[in-house]
PDB file of all heavy atoms in Angstrom:
ATOM      1  N   SER A   1     -10.572  -2.216  -4.623  1.00  0.00           N
ATOM      2  CA  SER A   1     -11.595  -1.168  -4.535  1.00  0.00           C
ATOM      3  C   SER A   1     -12.378  -1.090  -5.840  1.00  0.00           C
ATOM      4  O   SER A   1     -13.604  -0.949  -5.827  1.00  0.00           O
ATOM      5  CB  SER A   1     -10.948   0.180  -4.226  1.00  0.00           C
ATOM      6  OG  SER A   1     -10.299   0.160  -2.973  1.00  0.00           O
ATOM      7  N   ASP A   2     -11.690  -1.180  -6.971  1.00  0.00           N
ATOM      8  CA  ASP A   2     -12.369  -1.137  -8.265  1.00  0.00           C
ATOM      9  C   ASP A   2     -13.345  -2.303  -8.418  1.00  0.00           C
ATOM     10  O   ASP A   2     -14.401  -2.164  -9.042  1.00  0.00           O
ATOM     11  CB  ASP A   2     -11.357  -1.173  -9.410  1.00  0.00           C
ATOM     12  CG  ASP A   2     -10.562   0.122  -9.513  1.00  0.00           C
ATOM     13  OD1 ASP A   2     -10.985   1.123  -8.901  1.00  0.00           O
ATOM     14  OD2 ASP A   2      -9.518   0.132 -10.194  1.00  0.00           O
ATOM     15  N   LYS A   3     -13.004  -3.452  -7.829  1.00  0.00           N
ATOM     16  CA  LYS A   3     -13.868  -4.632  -7.915  1.00  0.00           C
ATOM     17  C   LYS A   3     -14.898  -4.695  -6.781  1.00  0.00           C
ATOM     18  O   LYS A   3     -15.652  -5.667  -6.700  1.00  0.00           O
ATOM     19  CB  LYS A   3     -13.012  -5.908  -7.882  1.00  0.00           C
ATOM     20  CG  LYS A   3     -12.086  -6.075  -9.082  1.00  0.00           C
ATOM     21  CD  LYS A   3     -11.335  -7.385  -8.995  1.00  0.00           C
ATOM     22  CE  LYS A   3     -12.281  -8.571  -9.111  1.00  0.00           C
ATOM     23  NZ  LYS A   3     -11.588  -9.858  -9.025  1.00  0.00           N
ATOM     24  N   LYS A   4     -14.905  -3.689  -5.917  1.00  0.00           N
ATOM     25  CA  LYS A   4     -15.806  -3.641  -4.756  1.00  0.00           C
ATOM     26  C   LYS A   4     -15.590  -4.843  -3.841  1.00  0.00           C
ATOM     27  O   LYS A   4     -16.534  -5.381  -3.249  1.00  0.00           O
ATOM     28  CB  LYS A   4     -17.273  -3.595  -5.217  1.00  0.00           C
ATOM     29  CG  LYS A   4     -17.566  -2.540  -6.257  1.00  0.00           C
ATOM     30  CD  LYS A   4     -17.273  -1.151  -5.747  1.00  0.00           C
ATOM     31  CE  LYS A   4     -17.621  -0.077  -6.765  1.00  0.00           C
ATOM     32  NZ  LYS A   4     -16.755  -0.065  -7.959  1.00  0.00           N
ATOM     33  N   GLU A   5     -14.330  -5.281  -3.698  1.00  0.00           N
ATOM     34  CA  GLU A   5     -14.008  -6.433  -2.860  1.00  0.00           C
ATOM     35  C   GLU A   5     -13.118  -6.059  -1.677  1.00  0.00           C
ATOM     36  O   GLU A   5     -12.603  -6.935  -0.991  1.00  0.00           O
ATOM     37  CB  GLU A   5     -13.328  -7.520  -3.692  1.00  0.00           C
ATOM     38  CG  GLU A   5     -14.232  -8.117  -4.761  1.00  0.00           C
ATOM     39  CD  GLU A   5     -13.533  -9.195  -5.586  1.00  0.00           C
ATOM     40  OE1 GLU A   5     -12.342  -9.473  -5.319  1.00  0.00           O
ATOM     41  OE2 GLU A   5     -14.178  -9.761  -6.498  1.00  0.00           O
ATOM     42  N   ILE A   6     -12.963  -4.764  -1.426  1.00  0.00           N
ATOM     43  CA  ILE A   6     -12.076  -4.343  -0.358  1.00  0.00           C
ATOM     44  C   ILE A   6     -12.629  -4.760   1.008  1.00  0.00           C
ATOM     45  O   ILE A   6     -11.877  -4.979   1.966  1.00  0.00           O
ATOM     46  CB  ILE A   6     -11.857  -2.812  -0.409  1.00  0.00           C
ATOM     47  CG1 ILE A   6     -10.625  -2.411   0.398  1.00  0.00           C
ATOM     48  CG2 ILE A   6     -13.086  -2.061   0.031  1.00  0.00           C
ATOM     49  CD1 ILE A   6      -9.331  -2.819  -0.226  1.00  0.00           C
ATOM     50  N   ASP A   7     -13.964  -4.883   1.123  1.00  0.00           N
ATOM     51  CA  ASP A   7     -14.587  -5.281   2.383  1.00  0.00           C
ATOM     52  C   ASP A   7     -14.988  -6.750   2.404  1.00  0.00           C
ATOM     53  O   ASP A   7     -15.576  -7.216   3.388  1.00  0.00           O
ATOM     54  CB  ASP A   7     -15.826  -4.418   2.670  1.00  0.00           C
ATOM     55  CG  ASP A   7     -15.454  -2.983   3.010  1.00  0.00           C
ATOM     56  OD1 ASP A   7     -14.475  -2.801   3.757  1.00  0.00           O
ATOM     57  OD2 ASP A   7     -16.127  -2.059   2.528  1.00  0.00           O
ATOM     58  N   ALA A   8     -14.699  -7.471   1.316  1.00  0.00           N
ATOM     59  CA  ALA A   8     -14.966  -8.906   1.311  1.00  0.00           C
ATOM     60  C   ALA A   8     -13.993  -9.601   2.264  1.00  0.00           C
ATOM     61  O   ALA A   8     -12.978  -9.031   2.665  1.00  0.00           O
ATOM     62  CB  ALA A   8     -14.817  -9.465  -0.100  1.00  0.00           C
ATOM     63  N   LEU A   9     -14.296 -10.857   2.613  1.00  0.00           N
ATOM     64  CA  LEU A   9     -13.461 -11.565   3.573  1.00  0.00           C
ATOM     65  C   LEU A   9     -12.022 -11.663   3.085  1.00  0.00           C
ATOM     66  O   LEU A   9     -11.082 -11.352   3.825  1.00  0.00           O
ATOM     67  CB  LEU A   9     -14.028 -12.966   3.824  1.00  0.00           C
ATOM     68  CG  LEU A   9     -13.219 -13.854   4.780  1.00  0.00           C
ATOM     69  CD1 LEU A   9     -13.101 -13.196   6.145  1.00  0.00           C
ATOM     70  CD2 LEU A   9     -13.879 -15.232   4.907  1.00  0.00           C
ATOM     71  N   HIS A  10     -11.842 -12.051   1.835  1.00  0.00           N
ATOM     72  CA  HIS A  10     -10.463 -12.168   1.328  1.00  0.00           C
ATOM     73  C   HIS A  10      -9.795 -10.804   1.216  1.00  0.00           C
ATOM     74  O   HIS A  10      -8.576 -10.684   1.379  1.00  0.00           O
ATOM     75  CB  HIS A  10     -10.436 -12.895  -0.023  1.00  0.00           C
ATOM     76  CG  HIS A  10     -11.097 -12.138  -1.137  1.00  0.00           C
ATOM     77  ND1 HIS A  10     -12.437 -12.211  -1.396  1.00  0.00           N
ATOM     78  CD2 HIS A  10     -10.589 -11.284  -2.071  1.00  0.00           C
ATOM     79  CE1 HIS A  10     -12.741 -11.455  -2.440  1.00  0.00           C
ATOM     80  NE2 HIS A  10     -11.636 -10.877  -2.867  1.00  0.00           N
ATOM     81  N   GLY A  11     -10.590  -9.750   0.970  1.00  0.00           N
ATOM     82  CA  GLY A  11     -10.016  -8.411   0.919  1.00  0.00           C
ATOM     83  C   GLY A  11      -9.532  -7.940   2.276  1.00  0.00           C
ATOM     84  O   GLY A  11      -8.445  -7.361   2.400  1.00  0.00           O
ATOM     85  N   ARG A  12     -10.317  -8.190   3.330  1.00  0.00           N
ATOM     86  CA  ARG A  12      -9.915  -7.802   4.680  1.00  0.00           C
ATOM     87  C   ARG A  12      -8.675  -8.583   5.128  1.00  0.00           C
ATOM     88  O   ARG A  12      -7.777  -8.027   5.768  1.00  0.00           O
ATOM     89  CB  ARG A  12     -11.068  -8.039   5.664  1.00  0.00           C
ATOM     90  CG  ARG A  12     -12.322  -7.241   5.352  1.00  0.00           C
ATOM     91  CD  ARG A  12     -13.200  -7.099   6.593  1.00  0.00           C
ATOM     92  NE  ARG A  12     -13.468  -8.366   7.243  1.00  0.00           N
ATOM     93  CZ  ARG A  12     -14.502  -9.140   6.990  1.00  0.00           C
ATOM     94  NH1 ARG A  12     -15.366  -8.798   6.048  1.00  0.00           N
ATOM     95  NH2 ARG A  12     -14.695 -10.270   7.657  1.00  0.00           N
ATOM     96  N   ILE A  13      -8.638  -9.878   4.799  1.00  0.00           N
ATOM     97  CA  ILE A  13      -7.469 -10.679   5.174  1.00  0.00           C
ATOM     98  C   ILE A  13      -6.230 -10.181   4.444  1.00  0.00           C
ATOM     99  O   ILE A  13      -5.148 -10.052   5.036  1.00  0.00           O
ATOM    100  CB  ILE A  13      -7.731 -12.165   4.860  1.00  0.00           C
ATOM    101  CG1 ILE A  13      -8.827 -12.706   5.774  1.00  0.00           C
ATOM    102  CG2 ILE A  13      -6.455 -12.988   5.025  1.00  0.00           C
ATOM    103  CD1 ILE A  13      -9.278 -14.116   5.431  1.00  0.00           C
ATOM    104  N   ALA A  14      -6.393  -9.875   3.151  1.00  0.00           N
ATOM    105  CA  ALA A  14      -5.252  -9.388   2.365  1.00  0.00           C
ATOM    106  C   ALA A  14      -4.715  -8.081   2.940  1.00  0.00           C
ATOM    107  O   ALA A  14      -3.502  -7.898   3.081  1.00  0.00           O
ATOM    108  CB  ALA A  14      -5.664  -9.198   0.903  1.00  0.00           C
ATOM    109  N   LEU A  15      -5.602  -7.155   3.301  1.00  0.00           N
ATOM    110  CA  LEU A  15      -5.153  -5.897   3.886  1.00  0.00           C
ATOM    111  C   LEU A  15      -4.437  -6.140   5.211  1.00  0.00           C
ATOM    112  O   LEU A  15      -3.467  -5.444   5.536  1.00  0.00           O
ATOM    113  CB  LEU A  15      -6.343  -4.961   4.096  1.00  0.00           C
ATOM    114  CG  LEU A  15      -6.991  -4.406   2.827  1.00  0.00           C
ATOM    115  CD1 LEU A  15      -8.155  -3.492   3.187  1.00  0.00           C
ATOM    116  CD2 LEU A  15      -5.985  -3.659   1.974  1.00  0.00           C
ATOM    117  N   GLY A  16      -4.891  -7.140   5.966  1.00  0.00           N
ATOM    118  CA  GLY A  16      -4.238  -7.460   7.233  1.00  0.00           C
ATOM    119  C   GLY A  16      -2.816  -7.923   7.039  1.00  0.00           C
ATOM    120  O   GLY A  16      -1.895  -7.433   7.705  1.00  0.00           O
ATOM    121  N   PHE A  17      -2.589  -8.869   6.115  1.00  0.00           N
ATOM    122  CA  PHE A  17      -1.198  -9.324   5.985  1.00  0.00           C
ATOM    123  C   PHE A  17      -0.342  -8.349   5.183  1.00  0.00           C
ATOM    124  O   PHE A  17       0.886  -8.414   5.238  1.00  0.00           O
ATOM    125  CB  PHE A  17      -1.084 -10.778   5.483  1.00  0.00           C
ATOM    126  CG  PHE A  17      -1.689 -11.101   4.151  1.00  0.00           C
ATOM    127  CD1 PHE A  17      -1.189 -10.564   2.977  1.00  0.00           C
ATOM    128  CD2 PHE A  17      -2.714 -12.019   4.065  1.00  0.00           C
ATOM    129  CE1 PHE A  17      -1.721 -10.911   1.747  1.00  0.00           C
ATOM    130  CE2 PHE A  17      -3.254 -12.383   2.838  1.00  0.00           C
ATOM    131  CZ  PHE A  17      -2.755 -11.812   1.675  1.00  0.00           C
ATOM    132  N   LEU A  18      -0.963  -7.405   4.475  1.00  0.00           N
ATOM    133  CA  LEU A  18      -0.168  -6.330   3.873  1.00  0.00           C
ATOM    134  C   LEU A  18       0.406  -5.407   4.947  1.00  0.00           C
ATOM    135  O   LEU A  18       1.519  -4.884   4.812  1.00  0.00           O
ATOM    136  CB  LEU A  18      -1.012  -5.530   2.888  1.00  0.00           C
ATOM    137  CG  LEU A  18      -1.311  -6.221   1.552  1.00  0.00           C
ATOM    138  CD1 LEU A  18      -2.291  -5.402   0.737  1.00  0.00           C
ATOM    139  CD2 LEU A  18      -0.032  -6.454   0.770  1.00  0.00           C
ATOM    140  N   ILE A  19      -0.366  -5.198   6.024  1.00  0.00           N
ATOM    141  CA  ILE A  19       0.150  -4.412   7.153  1.00  0.00           C
ATOM    142  C   ILE A  19       1.342  -5.134   7.781  1.00  0.00           C
ATOM    143  O   ILE A  19       2.347  -4.512   8.151  1.00  0.00           O
ATOM    144  CB  ILE A  19      -0.962  -4.166   8.189  1.00  0.00           C
ATOM    145  CG1 ILE A  19      -2.028  -3.243   7.605  1.00  0.00           C
ATOM    146  CG2 ILE A  19      -0.391  -3.560   9.465  1.00  0.00           C
ATOM    147  CD1 ILE A  19      -3.223  -3.036   8.519  1.00  0.00           C
ATOM    148  N   VAL A  20       1.237  -6.462   7.895  1.00  0.00           N
ATOM    149  CA  VAL A  20       2.366  -7.231   8.415  1.00  0.00           C
ATOM    150  C   VAL A  20       3.580  -7.059   7.511  1.00  0.00           C
ATOM    151  O   VAL A  20       4.710  -6.891   7.987  1.00  0.00           O
ATOM    152  CB  VAL A  20       1.984  -8.722   8.542  1.00  0.00           C
ATOM    153  CG1 VAL A  20       3.187  -9.554   8.971  1.00  0.00           C
ATOM    154  CG2 VAL A  20       0.843  -8.896   9.546  1.00  0.00           C
ATOM    155  N   GLN A  21       3.367  -7.088   6.202  1.00  0.00           N
ATOM    156  CA  GLN A  21       4.478  -6.862   5.274  1.00  0.00           C
ATOM    157  C   GLN A  21       5.100  -5.484   5.483  1.00  0.00           C
ATOM    158  O   GLN A  21       6.324  -5.332   5.424  1.00  0.00           O
ATOM    159  CB  GLN A  21       3.994  -6.998   3.831  1.00  0.00           C
ATOM    160  CG  GLN A  21       3.742  -8.426   3.384  1.00  0.00           C
ATOM    161  CD  GLN A  21       3.466  -8.510   1.887  1.00  0.00           C
ATOM    162  OE1 GLN A  21       3.479  -7.498   1.178  1.00  0.00           O
ATOM    163  NE2 GLN A  21       3.220  -9.709   1.405  1.00  0.00           N
ATOM    164  N   ASP A  22       4.256  -4.478   5.706  1.00  0.00           N
ATOM    165  CA  ASP A  22       4.787  -3.133   5.951  1.00  0.00           C
ATOM    166  C   ASP A  22       5.677  -3.111   7.189  1.00  0.00           C
ATOM    167  O   ASP A  22       6.718  -2.432   7.214  1.00  0.00           O
ATOM    168  CB  ASP A  22       3.634  -2.136   6.121  1.00  0.00           C
ATOM    169  CG  ASP A  22       2.884  -1.890   4.819  1.00  0.00           C
ATOM    170  OD1 ASP A  22       3.465  -2.159   3.754  1.00  0.00           O
ATOM    171  OD2 ASP A  22       1.727  -1.450   4.874  1.00  0.00           O
ATOM    172  N   LEU A  23       5.280  -3.839   8.223  1.00  0.00           N
ATOM    173  CA  LEU A  23       6.106  -3.911   9.430  1.00  0.00           C
ATOM    174  C   LEU A  23       7.434  -4.606   9.139  1.00  0.00           C
ATOM    175  O   LEU A  23       8.480  -4.207   9.666  1.00  0.00           O
ATOM    176  CB  LEU A  23       5.347  -4.654  10.539  1.00  0.00           C
ATOM    177  CG  LEU A  23       4.082  -3.964  11.061  1.00  0.00           C
ATOM    178  CD1 LEU A  23       3.363  -4.861  12.062  1.00  0.00           C
ATOM    179  CD2 LEU A  23       4.425  -2.626  11.712  1.00  0.00           C
ATOM    180  N   VAL A  24       7.401  -5.620   8.294  1.00  0.00           N
ATOM    181  CA  VAL A  24       8.645  -6.296   7.910  1.00  0.00           C
ATOM    182  C   VAL A  24       9.538  -5.346   7.115  1.00  0.00           C
ATOM    183  O   VAL A  24      10.765  -5.345   7.276  1.00  0.00           O
ATOM    184  CB  VAL A  24       8.336  -7.570   7.101  1.00  0.00           C
ATOM    185  CG1 VAL A  24       9.621  -8.200   6.565  1.00  0.00           C
ATOM    186  CG2 VAL A  24       7.587  -8.579   7.955  1.00  0.00           C
ATOM    187  N   VAL A  25       8.926  -4.525   6.260  1.00  0.00           N
ATOM    188  CA  VAL A  25       9.696  -3.522   5.522  1.00  0.00           C
ATOM    189  C   VAL A  25      10.439  -2.608   6.497  1.00  0.00           C
ATOM    190  O   VAL A  25      11.624  -2.303   6.314  1.00  0.00           O
ATOM    191  CB  VAL A  25       8.769  -2.687   4.613  1.00  0.00           C
ATOM    192  CG1 VAL A  25       9.506  -1.464   4.064  1.00  0.00           C
ATOM    193  CG2 VAL A  25       8.257  -3.530   3.464  1.00  0.00           C
ATOM    194  N   VAL A  26       9.719  -2.175   7.533  1.00  0.00           N
ATOM    195  CA  VAL A  26      10.333  -1.296   8.536  1.00  0.00           C
ATOM    196  C   VAL A  26      11.542  -1.979   9.170  1.00  0.00           C
ATOM    197  O   VAL A  26      12.627  -1.387   9.293  1.00  0.00           O
ATOM    198  CB  VAL A  26       9.301  -0.906   9.604  1.00  0.00           C
ATOM    199  CG1 VAL A  26       9.967  -0.115  10.725  1.00  0.00           C
ATOM    200  CG2 VAL A  26       8.178  -0.088   8.989  1.00  0.00           C
ATOM    201  N   MET A  27      11.372  -3.229   9.588  1.00  0.00           N
ATOM    202  CA  MET A  27      12.467  -3.951  10.235  1.00  0.00           C
ATOM    203  C   MET A  27      13.647  -4.129   9.278  1.00  0.00           C
ATOM    204  O   MET A  27      14.808  -3.977   9.673  1.00  0.00           O
ATOM    205  CB  MET A  27      11.980  -5.307  10.729  1.00  0.00           C
ATOM    206  CG  MET A  27      10.879  -5.233  11.784  1.00  0.00           C
ATOM    207  SD  MET A  27      11.373  -4.236  13.225  1.00  0.00           S
ATOM    208  CE  MET A  27      12.798  -5.179  13.798  1.00  0.00           C
ATOM    209  N   ALA A  28      13.366  -4.448   8.015  1.00  0.00           N
ATOM    210  CA  ALA A  28      14.438  -4.632   7.040  1.00  0.00           C
ATOM    211  C   ALA A  28      15.226  -3.342   6.837  1.00  0.00           C
ATOM    212  O   ALA A  28      16.463  -3.354   6.749  1.00  0.00           O
ATOM    213  CB  ALA A  28      13.853  -5.123   5.713  1.00  0.00           C
ATOM    214  N   MET A  29      14.531  -2.215   6.790  1.00  0.00           N
ATOM    215  CA  MET A  29      15.211  -0.936   6.601  1.00  0.00           C
ATOM    216  C   MET A  29      16.019  -0.551   7.831  1.00  0.00           C
ATOM    217  O   MET A  29      17.088   0.059   7.721  1.00  0.00           O
ATOM    218  CB  MET A  29      14.191   0.152   6.255  1.00  0.00           C
ATOM    219  CG  MET A  29      13.593   0.003   4.867  1.00  0.00           C
ATOM    220  SD  MET A  29      12.467   1.343   4.438  1.00  0.00           S
ATOM    221  CE  MET A  29      12.099   0.926   2.728  1.00  0.00           C
TER     222      MET A  29
END
């Protein structure tokens, strides 16, 4: 967000696989 790249292509992809990581966190717990 500070770099104004949250809506860039790599930013959107990164946010997508961070959500996947969050789901893995849920399963691990």
